[in-house]
């Protein structure tokens, strides 16, 4: 359930960001890809999206993909770890 919420919200962000970057033809496809395969599509979108005036990107597409993937994976695993620890803490009975 948390996966659906997190990547659903990220898919909405991708949709609105892509529309704001004049990617109208494929904005919905990026959003659908993010909703289904979020861990791969978010870094890919960030590496491939057109830049606005004044924005800069360091490195090539592959570098940006792996950099964004590492950041997303680290954040996602932190969130999952907290969620699992809370769930385990709620299911284990207190000591007597």
PDB file of N, CA and C in Angstrom:
ATOM      1  N   UNK A   1       0.800  -1.199   0.000  1.00  0.00           N
ATOM      2  CA  UNK A   1       0.000   0.000   0.000  1.00  0.00           C
ATOM      3  C   UNK A   1       0.850   1.274   0.000  1.00  0.00           C
ATOM      4  N   UNK A   2       1.912   1.366   0.830  1.00  0.00           N
ATOM      5  CA  UNK A   2       2.726   2.581   0.795  1.00  0.00           C
ATOM      6  C   UNK A   2       3.379   2.805  -0.579  1.00  0.00           C
ATOM      7  N   UNK A   3       3.730   1.721  -1.287  1.00  0.00           N
ATOM      8  CA  UNK A   3       4.314   1.852  -2.626  1.00  0.00           C
ATOM      9  C   UNK A   3       3.356   2.589  -3.544  1.00  0.00           C
ATOM     10  N   UNK A   4       2.089   2.220  -3.491  1.00  0.00           N
ATOM     11  CA  UNK A   4       1.091   2.844  -4.358  1.00  0.00           C
ATOM     12  C   UNK A   4       0.959   4.333  -4.036  1.00  0.00           C
ATOM     13  N   UNK A   5       0.976   4.670  -2.781  1.00  0.00           N
ATOM     14  CA  UNK A   5       0.837   6.077  -2.389  1.00  0.00           C
ATOM     15  C   UNK A   5       2.066   6.877  -2.820  1.00  0.00           C
ATOM     16  N   UNK A   6       3.251   6.383  -2.506  1.00  0.00           N
ATOM     17  CA  UNK A   6       4.487   7.114  -2.809  1.00  0.00           C
ATOM     18  C   UNK A   6       4.660   7.294  -4.307  1.00  0.00           C
ATOM     19  N   UNK A   7       4.557   6.205  -5.055  1.00  0.00           N
ATOM     20  CA  UNK A   7       4.799   6.320  -6.492  1.00  0.00           C
ATOM     21  C   UNK A   7       3.606   6.898  -7.237  1.00  0.00           C
ATOM     22  N   UNK A   8       2.428   6.860  -6.654  1.00  0.00           N
ATOM     23  CA  UNK A   8       1.287   7.576  -7.221  1.00  0.00           C
ATOM     24  C   UNK A   8       1.503   9.079  -7.129  1.00  0.00           C
ATOM     25  N   UNK A   9       1.981   9.542  -5.964  1.00  0.00           N
ATOM     26  CA  UNK A   9       2.283  10.965  -5.811  1.00  0.00           C
ATOM     27  C   UNK A   9       3.443  11.393  -6.710  1.00  0.00           C
ATOM     28  N   UNK A  10       4.462  10.545  -6.818  1.00  0.00           N
ATOM     29  CA  UNK A  10       5.573  10.857  -7.715  1.00  0.00           C
ATOM     30  C   UNK A  10       5.120  10.878  -9.174  1.00  0.00           C
ATOM     31  N   UNK A  11       4.185  10.005  -9.531  1.00  0.00           N
ATOM     32  CA  UNK A  11       3.659  10.003 -10.896  1.00  0.00           C
ATOM     33  C   UNK A  11       2.915  11.306 -11.190  1.00  0.00           C
ATOM     34  N   UNK A  12       2.166  11.802 -10.226  1.00  0.00           N
ATOM     35  CA  UNK A  12       1.500  13.100 -10.401  1.00  0.00           C
ATOM     36  C   UNK A  12       2.522  14.216 -10.568  1.00  0.00           C
ATOM     37  N   UNK A  13       3.586  14.190  -9.766  1.00  0.00           N
ATOM     38  CA  UNK A  13       4.628  15.198  -9.909  1.00  0.00           C
ATOM     39  C   UNK A  13       5.274  15.125 -11.295  1.00  0.00           C
ATOM     40  N   UNK A  14       5.573  13.903 -11.765  1.00  0.00           N
ATOM     41  CA  UNK A  14       6.174  13.734 -13.092  1.00  0.00           C
ATOM     42  C   UNK A  14       5.230  14.267 -14.166  1.00  0.00           C
ATOM     43  N   UNK A  15       3.953  13.988 -14.040  1.00  0.00           N
ATOM     44  CA  UNK A  15       2.978  14.462 -15.029  1.00  0.00           C
ATOM     45  C   UNK A  15       2.985  15.986 -15.108  1.00  0.00           C
ATOM     46  N   UNK A  16       2.870  16.655 -13.969  1.00  0.00           N
ATOM     47  CA  UNK A  16       2.823  18.112 -13.973  1.00  0.00           C
ATOM     48  C   UNK A  16       4.162  18.728 -14.375  1.00  0.00           C
ATOM     49  N   UNK A  17       5.272  18.097 -13.965  1.00  0.00           N
ATOM     50  CA  UNK A  17       6.578  18.598 -14.358  1.00  0.00           C
ATOM     51  C   UNK A  17       6.785  18.449 -15.862  1.00  0.00           C
ATOM     52  N   UNK A  18       6.387  17.313 -16.415  1.00  0.00           N
ATOM     53  CA  UNK A  18       6.538  17.093 -17.857  1.00  0.00           C
ATOM     54  C   UNK A  18       5.657  18.061 -18.647  1.00  0.00           C
ATOM     55  N   UNK A  19       4.461  18.314 -18.167  1.00  0.00           N
ATOM     56  CA  UNK A  19       3.592  19.281 -18.848  1.00  0.00           C
ATOM     57  C   UNK A  19       4.197  20.681 -18.787  1.00  0.00           C
ATOM     58  N   UNK A  20       4.835  21.008 -17.685  1.00  0.00           N
ATOM     59  CA  UNK A  20       5.486  22.299 -17.551  1.00  0.00           C
ATOM     60  C   UNK A  20       6.732  22.441 -18.400  1.00  0.00           C
ATOM     61  N   UNK A  21       7.269  21.332 -18.868  1.00  0.00           N
ATOM     62  CA  UNK A  21       8.463  21.347 -19.717  1.00  0.00           C
ATOM     63  C   UNK A  21       8.110  21.083 -21.182  1.00  0.00           C
ATOM     64  N   UNK A  22       6.861  21.284 -21.540  1.00  0.00           N
ATOM     65  CA  UNK A  22       6.373  21.122 -22.918  1.00  0.00           C
ATOM     66  C   UNK A  22       6.606  19.716 -23.466  1.00  0.00           C
ATOM     67  N   UNK A  23       6.379  18.706 -22.633  1.00  0.00           N
ATOM     68  CA  UNK A  23       6.478  17.311 -23.057  1.00  0.00           C
ATOM     69  C   UNK A  23       5.066  16.723 -23.145  1.00  0.00           C
ATOM     70  N   UNK A  24       4.136  17.476 -23.704  1.00  0.00           N
ATOM     71  CA  UNK A  24       2.729  17.100 -23.701  1.00  0.00           C
ATOM     72  C   UNK A  24       2.463  15.744 -24.356  1.00  0.00           C
ATOM     73  N   UNK A  25       3.212  15.405 -25.392  1.00  0.00           N
ATOM     74  CA  UNK A  25       2.957  14.164 -26.119  1.00  0.00           C
ATOM     75  C   UNK A  25       3.261  12.926 -25.285  1.00  0.00           C
ATOM     76  N   UNK A  26       4.235  12.999 -24.397  1.00  0.00           N
ATOM     77  CA  UNK A  26       4.629  11.797 -23.658  1.00  0.00           C
ATOM     78  C   UNK A  26       4.523  11.947 -22.143  1.00  0.00           C
ATOM     79  N   UNK A  27       3.928  13.026 -21.677  1.00  0.00           N
ATOM     80  CA  UNK A  27       3.823  13.267 -20.230  1.00  0.00           C
ATOM     81  C   UNK A  27       3.049  12.151 -19.530  1.00  0.00           C
ATOM     82  N   UNK A  28       1.965  11.703 -20.142  1.00  0.00           N
ATOM     83  CA  UNK A  28       1.149  10.645 -19.527  1.00  0.00           C
ATOM     84  C   UNK A  28       1.913   9.326 -19.504  1.00  0.00           C
ATOM     85  N   UNK A  29       2.695   9.056 -20.529  1.00  0.00           N
ATOM     86  CA  UNK A  29       3.486   7.816 -20.555  1.00  0.00           C
ATOM     87  C   UNK A  29       4.549   7.822 -19.455  1.00  0.00           C
ATOM     88  N   UNK A  30       5.208   8.955 -19.253  1.00  0.00           N
ATOM     89  CA  UNK A  30       6.173   9.056 -18.163  1.00  0.00           C
ATOM     90  C   UNK A  30       5.494   8.847 -16.825  1.00  0.00           C
ATOM     91  N   UNK A  31       4.311   9.437 -16.657  1.00  0.00           N
ATOM     92  CA  UNK A  31       3.583   9.298 -15.384  1.00  0.00           C
ATOM     93  C   UNK A  31       3.154   7.847 -15.155  1.00  0.00           C
ATOM     94  N   UNK A  32       2.661   7.188 -16.182  1.00  0.00           N
ATOM     95  CA  UNK A  32       2.265   5.778 -16.044  1.00  0.00           C
ATOM     96  C   UNK A  32       3.478   4.894 -15.742  1.00  0.00           C
ATOM     97  N   UNK A  33       4.579   5.148 -16.418  1.00  0.00           N
ATOM     98  CA  UNK A  33       5.806   4.397 -16.142  1.00  0.00           C
ATOM     99  C   UNK A  33       6.278   4.593 -14.714  1.00  0.00           C
ATOM    100  N   UNK A  34       6.148   5.809 -14.224  1.00  0.00           N
ATOM    101  CA  UNK A  34       6.532   6.100 -12.843  1.00  0.00           C
ATOM    102  C   UNK A  34       5.624   5.376 -11.859  1.00  0.00           C
ATOM    103  N   UNK A  35       4.329   5.341 -12.135  1.00  0.00           N
ATOM    104  CA  UNK A  35       3.390   4.674 -11.233  1.00  0.00           C
ATOM    105  C   UNK A  35       3.653   3.173 -11.165  1.00  0.00           C
ATOM    106  N   UNK A  36       4.068   2.574 -12.282  1.00  0.00           N
ATOM    107  CA  UNK A  36       4.257   1.119 -12.318  1.00  0.00           C
ATOM    108  C   UNK A  36       5.692   0.723 -11.973  1.00  0.00           C
ATOM    109  N   UNK A  37       6.664   1.387 -12.574  1.00  0.00           N
ATOM    110  CA  UNK A  37       8.083   1.046 -12.390  1.00  0.00           C
ATOM    111  C   UNK A  37       8.833   2.243 -11.822  1.00  0.00           C
ATOM    112  N   UNK A  38       8.361   2.780 -10.707  1.00  0.00           N
ATOM    113  CA  UNK A  38       8.870   4.024 -10.165  1.00  0.00           C
ATOM    114  C   UNK A  38      10.347   4.069  -9.888  1.00  0.00           C
ATOM    115  N   UNK A  39      10.917   3.001  -9.379  1.00  0.00           N
ATOM    116  CA  UNK A  39      12.332   3.004  -8.990  1.00  0.00           C
ATOM    117  C   UNK A  39      13.231   3.207 -10.208  1.00  0.00           C
ATOM    118  N   UNK A  40      12.790   2.784 -11.371  1.00  0.00           N
ATOM    119  CA  UNK A  40      13.581   2.946 -12.591  1.00  0.00           C
ATOM    120  C   UNK A  40      13.186   4.214 -13.340  1.00  0.00           C
ATOM    121  N   UNK A  41      11.896   4.523 -13.404  1.00  0.00           N
ATOM    122  CA  UNK A  41      11.430   5.632 -14.229  1.00  0.00           C
ATOM    123  C   UNK A  41      11.746   7.001 -13.643  1.00  0.00           C
ATOM    124  N   UNK A  42      11.729   7.159 -12.330  1.00  0.00           N
ATOM    125  CA  UNK A  42      12.048   8.465 -11.743  1.00  0.00           C
ATOM    126  C   UNK A  42      13.484   8.877 -12.095  1.00  0.00           C
ATOM    127  N   UNK A  43      14.502   8.040 -11.855  1.00  0.00           N
ATOM    128  CA  UNK A  43      15.857   8.452 -12.243  1.00  0.00           C
ATOM    129  C   UNK A  43      16.002   8.654 -13.756  1.00  0.00           C
ATOM    130  N   UNK A  44      15.331   7.819 -14.538  1.00  0.00           N
ATOM    131  CA  UNK A  44      15.402   7.962 -15.991  1.00  0.00           C
ATOM    132  C   UNK A  44      14.763   9.270 -16.443  1.00  0.00           C
ATOM    133  N   UNK A  45      13.630   9.603 -15.856  1.00  0.00           N
ATOM    134  CA  UNK A  45      12.968  10.862 -16.192  1.00  0.00           C
ATOM    135  C   UNK A  45      13.852  12.050 -15.833  1.00  0.00           C
ATOM    136  N   UNK A  46      14.437  12.018 -14.647  1.00  0.00           N
ATOM    137  CA  UNK A  46      15.298  13.122 -14.223  1.00  0.00           C
ATOM    138  C   UNK A  46      16.535  13.261 -15.110  1.00  0.00           C
ATOM    139  N   UNK A  47      17.013  12.153 -15.665  1.00  0.00           N
ATOM    140  CA  UNK A  47      18.192  12.195 -16.529  1.00  0.00           C
ATOM    141  C   UNK A  47      17.850  12.622 -17.951  1.00  0.00           C
ATOM    142  N   UNK A  48      16.626  12.372 -18.404  1.00  0.00           N
ATOM    143  CA  UNK A  48      16.263  12.624 -19.804  1.00  0.00           C
ATOM    144  C   UNK A  48      15.420  13.871 -20.031  1.00  0.00           C
ATOM    145  N   UNK A  49      14.784  14.417 -18.997  1.00  0.00           N
ATOM    146  CA  UNK A  49      13.863  15.527 -19.204  1.00  0.00           C
ATOM    147  C   UNK A  49      14.595  16.748 -19.741  1.00  0.00           C
ATOM    148  N   UNK A  50      13.908  17.537 -20.579  1.00  0.00           N
ATOM    149  CA  UNK A  50      14.545  18.752 -21.088  1.00  0.00           C
ATOM    150  C   UNK A  50      14.739  19.767 -19.968  1.00  0.00           C
ATOM    151  N   UNK A  51      15.827  20.501 -20.047  1.00  0.00           N
ATOM    152  CA  UNK A  51      16.145  21.481 -19.023  1.00  0.00           C
ATOM    153  C   UNK A  51      15.448  22.806 -19.317  1.00  0.00           C
ATOM    154  N   UNK A  52      15.048  23.491 -18.257  1.00  0.00           N
ATOM    155  CA  UNK A  52      14.493  24.828 -18.391  1.00  0.00           C
ATOM    156  C   UNK A  52      15.647  25.828 -18.494  1.00  0.00           C
ATOM    157  N   UNK A  53      15.323  27.033 -18.857  1.00  0.00           N
ATOM    158  CA  UNK A  53      16.326  28.078 -18.958  1.00  0.00           C
ATOM    159  C   UNK A  53      16.980  28.300 -17.592  1.00  0.00           C
ATOM    160  N   UNK A  54      18.297  28.278 -17.586  1.00  0.00           N
ATOM    161  CA  UNK A  54      19.035  28.489 -16.347  1.00  0.00           C
ATOM    162  C   UNK A  54      19.397  27.205 -15.620  1.00  0.00           C
ATOM    163  N   UNK A  55      18.815  26.078 -15.998  1.00  0.00           N
ATOM    164  CA  UNK A  55      19.157  24.799 -15.366  1.00  0.00           C
ATOM    165  C   UNK A  55      20.382  24.203 -16.048  1.00  0.00           C
ATOM    166  N   UNK A  56      21.131  23.431 -15.307  1.00  0.00           N
ATOM    167  CA  UNK A  56      22.309  22.755 -15.851  1.00  0.00           C
ATOM    168  C   UNK A  56      22.331  21.324 -15.346  1.00  0.00           C
ATOM    169  N   UNK A  57      22.945  20.466 -16.122  1.00  0.00           N
ATOM    170  CA  UNK A  57      23.048  19.055 -15.755  1.00  0.00           C
ATOM    171  C   UNK A  57      24.505  18.647 -15.908  1.00  0.00           C
ATOM    172  N   UNK A  58      25.060  18.023 -14.882  1.00  0.00           N
ATOM    173  CA  UNK A  58      26.448  17.559 -14.942  1.00  0.00           C
ATOM    174  C   UNK A  58      26.488  16.131 -15.466  1.00  0.00           C
ATOM    175  N   UNK A  59      27.467  15.827 -16.265  1.00  0.00           N
ATOM    176  CA  UNK A  59      27.651  14.465 -16.748  1.00  0.00           C
ATOM    177  C   UNK A  59      26.682  14.101 -17.863  1.00  0.00           C
ATOM    178  N   UNK A  60      26.763  12.842 -18.261  1.00  0.00           N
ATOM    179  CA  UNK A  60      25.916  12.334 -19.339  1.00  0.00           C
ATOM    180  C   UNK A  60      24.678  11.646 -18.769  1.00  0.00           C
ATOM    181  N   UNK A  61      23.856  11.127 -19.641  1.00  0.00           N
ATOM    182  CA  UNK A  61      22.592  10.515 -19.233  1.00  0.00           C
ATOM    183  C   UNK A  61      22.818   9.349 -18.269  1.00  0.00           C
ATOM    184  N   UNK A  62      23.771   8.486 -18.574  1.00  0.00           N
ATOM    185  CA  UNK A  62      24.012   7.325 -17.705  1.00  0.00           C
ATOM    186  C   UNK A  62      24.460   7.767 -16.303  1.00  0.00           C
ATOM    187  N   UNK A  63      25.343   8.757 -16.232  1.00  0.00           N
ATOM    188  CA  UNK A  63      25.801   9.252 -14.935  1.00  0.00           C
ATOM    189  C   UNK A  63      24.618   9.796 -14.143  1.00  0.00           C
ATOM    190  N   UNK A  64      23.784  10.600 -14.776  1.00  0.00           N
ATOM    191  CA  UNK A  64      22.635  11.188 -14.094  1.00  0.00           C
ATOM    192  C   UNK A  64      21.631  10.124 -13.672  1.00  0.00           C
ATOM    193  N   UNK A  65      21.429   9.115 -14.510  1.00  0.00           N
ATOM    194  CA  UNK A  65      20.511   8.029 -14.149  1.00  0.00           C
ATOM    195  C   UNK A  65      20.992   7.328 -12.878  1.00  0.00           C
ATOM    196  N   UNK A  66      22.252   6.918 -12.857  1.00  0.00           N
ATOM    197  CA  UNK A  66      22.757   6.166 -11.703  1.00  0.00           C
ATOM    198  C   UNK A  66      22.861   7.031 -10.451  1.00  0.00           C
ATOM    199  N   UNK A  67      23.195   8.309 -10.604  1.00  0.00           N
ATOM    200  CA  UNK A  67      23.239   9.217  -9.457  1.00  0.00           C
ATOM    201  C   UNK A  67      21.839   9.362  -8.852  1.00  0.00           C
ATOM    202  N   UNK A  68      20.837   9.599  -9.695  1.00  0.00           N
ATOM    203  CA  UNK A  68      19.461   9.749  -9.213  1.00  0.00           C
ATOM    204  C   UNK A  68      18.903   8.438  -8.671  1.00  0.00           C
ATOM    205  N   UNK A  69      19.287   7.315  -9.290  1.00  0.00           N
ATOM    206  CA  UNK A  69      18.849   6.010  -8.798  1.00  0.00           C
ATOM    207  C   UNK A  69      19.403   5.764  -7.396  1.00  0.00           C
ATOM    208  N   UNK A  70      20.687   6.073  -7.191  1.00  0.00           N
ATOM    209  CA  UNK A  70      21.305   5.856  -5.872  1.00  0.00           C
ATOM    210  C   UNK A  70      20.626   6.720  -4.808  1.00  0.00           C
ATOM    211  N   UNK A  71      20.329   7.965  -5.142  1.00  0.00           N
ATOM    212  CA  UNK A  71      19.660   8.843  -4.170  1.00  0.00           C
ATOM    213  C   UNK A  71      18.255   8.347  -3.873  1.00  0.00           C
ATOM    214  N   UNK A  72      17.492   7.990  -4.918  1.00  0.00           N
ATOM    215  CA  UNK A  72      16.126   7.502  -4.712  1.00  0.00           C
ATOM    216  C   UNK A  72      16.122   6.203  -3.917  1.00  0.00           C
ATOM    217  N   UNK A  73      17.021   5.291  -4.246  1.00  0.00           N
ATOM    218  CA  UNK A  73      17.078   3.997  -3.562  1.00  0.00           C
ATOM    219  C   UNK A  73      17.414   4.183  -2.082  1.00  0.00           C
ATOM    220  N   UNK A  74      18.346   5.091  -1.786  1.00  0.00           N
ATOM    221  CA  UNK A  74      18.723   5.349  -0.400  1.00  0.00           C
ATOM    222  C   UNK A  74      17.541   5.911   0.387  1.00  0.00           C
ATOM    223  N   UNK A  75      16.842   6.888  -0.185  1.00  0.00           N
ATOM    224  CA  UNK A  75      15.680   7.476   0.482  1.00  0.00           C
ATOM    225  C   UNK A  75      14.588   6.427   0.652  1.00  0.00           C
ATOM    226  N   UNK A  76      14.319   5.654  -0.398  1.00  0.00           N
ATOM    227  CA  UNK A  76      13.270   4.636  -0.349  1.00  0.00           C
ATOM    228  C   UNK A  76      13.569   3.574   0.704  1.00  0.00           C
ATOM    229  N   UNK A  77      14.817   3.122   0.791  1.00  0.00           N
ATOM    230  CA  UNK A  77      15.166   2.115   1.780  1.00  0.00           C
ATOM    231  C   UNK A  77      15.088   2.673   3.197  1.00  0.00           C
ATOM    232  N   UNK A  78      15.405   3.958   3.377  1.00  0.00           N
ATOM    233  CA  UNK A  78      15.235   4.586   4.684  1.00  0.00           C
ATOM    234  C   UNK A  78      13.776   4.611   5.106  1.00  0.00           C
ATOM    235  N   UNK A  79      12.905   4.980   4.177  1.00  0.00           N
ATOM    236  CA  UNK A  79      11.461   5.012   4.464  1.00  0.00           C
ATOM    237  C   UNK A  79      10.934   3.609   4.750  1.00  0.00           C
ATOM    238  N   UNK A  80      11.351   2.637   3.943  1.00  0.00           N
ATOM    239  CA  UNK A  80      10.915   1.249   4.143  1.00  0.00           C
ATOM    240  C   UNK A  80      11.413   0.730   5.492  1.00  0.00           C
ATOM    241  N   UNK A  81      12.650   1.051   5.852  1.00  0.00           N
ATOM    242  CA  UNK A  81      13.196   0.597   7.142  1.00  0.00           C
ATOM    243  C   UNK A  81      12.393   1.146   8.313  1.00  0.00           C
ATOM    244  N   UNK A  82      12.060   2.417   8.260  1.00  0.00           N
ATOM    245  CA  UNK A  82      11.254   3.017   9.335  1.00  0.00           C
ATOM    246  C   UNK A  82       9.880   2.360   9.395  1.00  0.00           C
ATOM    247  N   UNK A  83       9.270   2.135   8.226  1.00  0.00           N
ATOM    248  CA  UNK A  83       7.950   1.498   8.171  1.00  0.00           C
ATOM    249  C   UNK A  83       8.001   0.095   8.774  1.00  0.00           C
ATOM    250  N   UNK A  84       9.019  -0.683   8.422  1.00  0.00           N
ATOM    251  CA  UNK A  84       9.145  -2.055   8.922  1.00  0.00           C
ATOM    252  C   UNK A  84       9.416  -2.058  10.425  1.00  0.00           C
ATOM    253  N   UNK A  85      10.269  -1.162  10.897  1.00  0.00           N
ATOM    254  CA  UNK A  85      10.547  -1.110  12.338  1.00  0.00           C
ATOM    255  C   UNK A  85       9.305  -0.744  13.134  1.00  0.00           C
ATOM    256  N   UNK A  86       8.504   0.166  12.622  1.00  0.00           N
ATOM    257  CA  UNK A  86       7.256   0.523  13.312  1.00  0.00           C
ATOM    258  C   UNK A  86       6.290  -0.656  13.327  1.00  0.00           C
ATOM    259  N   UNK A  87       6.201  -1.368  12.197  1.00  0.00           N
ATOM    260  CA  UNK A  87       5.295  -2.513  12.115  1.00  0.00           C
ATOM    261  C   UNK A  87       5.747  -3.624  13.062  1.00  0.00           C
ATOM    262  N   UNK A  88       7.030  -3.916  13.074  1.00  0.00           N
ATOM    263  CA  UNK A  88       7.548  -4.962  13.959  1.00  0.00           C
ATOM    264  C   UNK A  88       7.357  -4.546  15.416  1.00  0.00           C
ATOM    265  N   UNK A  89       7.587  -3.291  15.718  1.00  0.00           N
ATOM    266  CA  UNK A  89       7.392  -2.812  17.091  1.00  0.00           C
ATOM    267  C   UNK A  89       5.948  -2.924  17.544  1.00  0.00           C
ATOM    268  N   UNK A  90       4.997  -2.806  16.627  1.00  0.00           N
ATOM    269  CA  UNK A  90       3.585  -2.925  16.978  1.00  0.00           C
ATOM    270  C   UNK A  90       3.144  -4.379  17.144  1.00  0.00           C
ATOM    271  N   UNK A  91       3.852  -5.320  16.525  1.00  0.00           N
ATOM    272  CA  UNK A  91       3.425  -6.724  16.556  1.00  0.00           C
ATOM    273  C   UNK A  91       4.099  -7.547  17.655  1.00  0.00           C
ATOM    274  N   UNK A  92       5.250  -7.105  18.142  1.00  0.00           N
ATOM    275  CA  UNK A  92       5.946  -7.850  19.193  1.00  0.00           C
ATOM    276  C   UNK A  92       5.364  -7.462  20.537  1.00  0.00           C
ATOM    277  N   UNK A  93       4.982  -8.457  21.352  1.00  0.00           N
ATOM    278  CA  UNK A  93       4.417  -8.127  22.667  1.00  0.00           C
ATOM    279  C   UNK A  93       5.482  -7.531  23.593  1.00  0.00           C
ATOM    280  N   UNK A  94       5.082  -6.652  24.487  1.00  0.00           N
ATOM    281  CA  UNK A  94       6.063  -6.076  25.413  1.00  0.00           C
ATOM    282  C   UNK A  94       6.595  -7.127  26.386  1.00  0.00           C
ATOM    283  N   UNK A  95       7.811  -6.925  26.888  1.00  0.00           N
ATOM    284  CA  UNK A  95       8.374  -7.900  27.847  1.00  0.00           C
ATOM    285  C   UNK A  95       7.605  -7.855  29.177  1.00  0.00           C
ATOM    286  N   UNK A  96       7.636  -8.970  29.885  1.00  0.00           N
ATOM    287  CA  UNK A  96       6.920  -9.067  31.178  1.00  0.00           C
ATOM    288  C   UNK A  96       7.821  -8.799  32.314  1.00  0.00           C
TER     289      UNK A  96
END
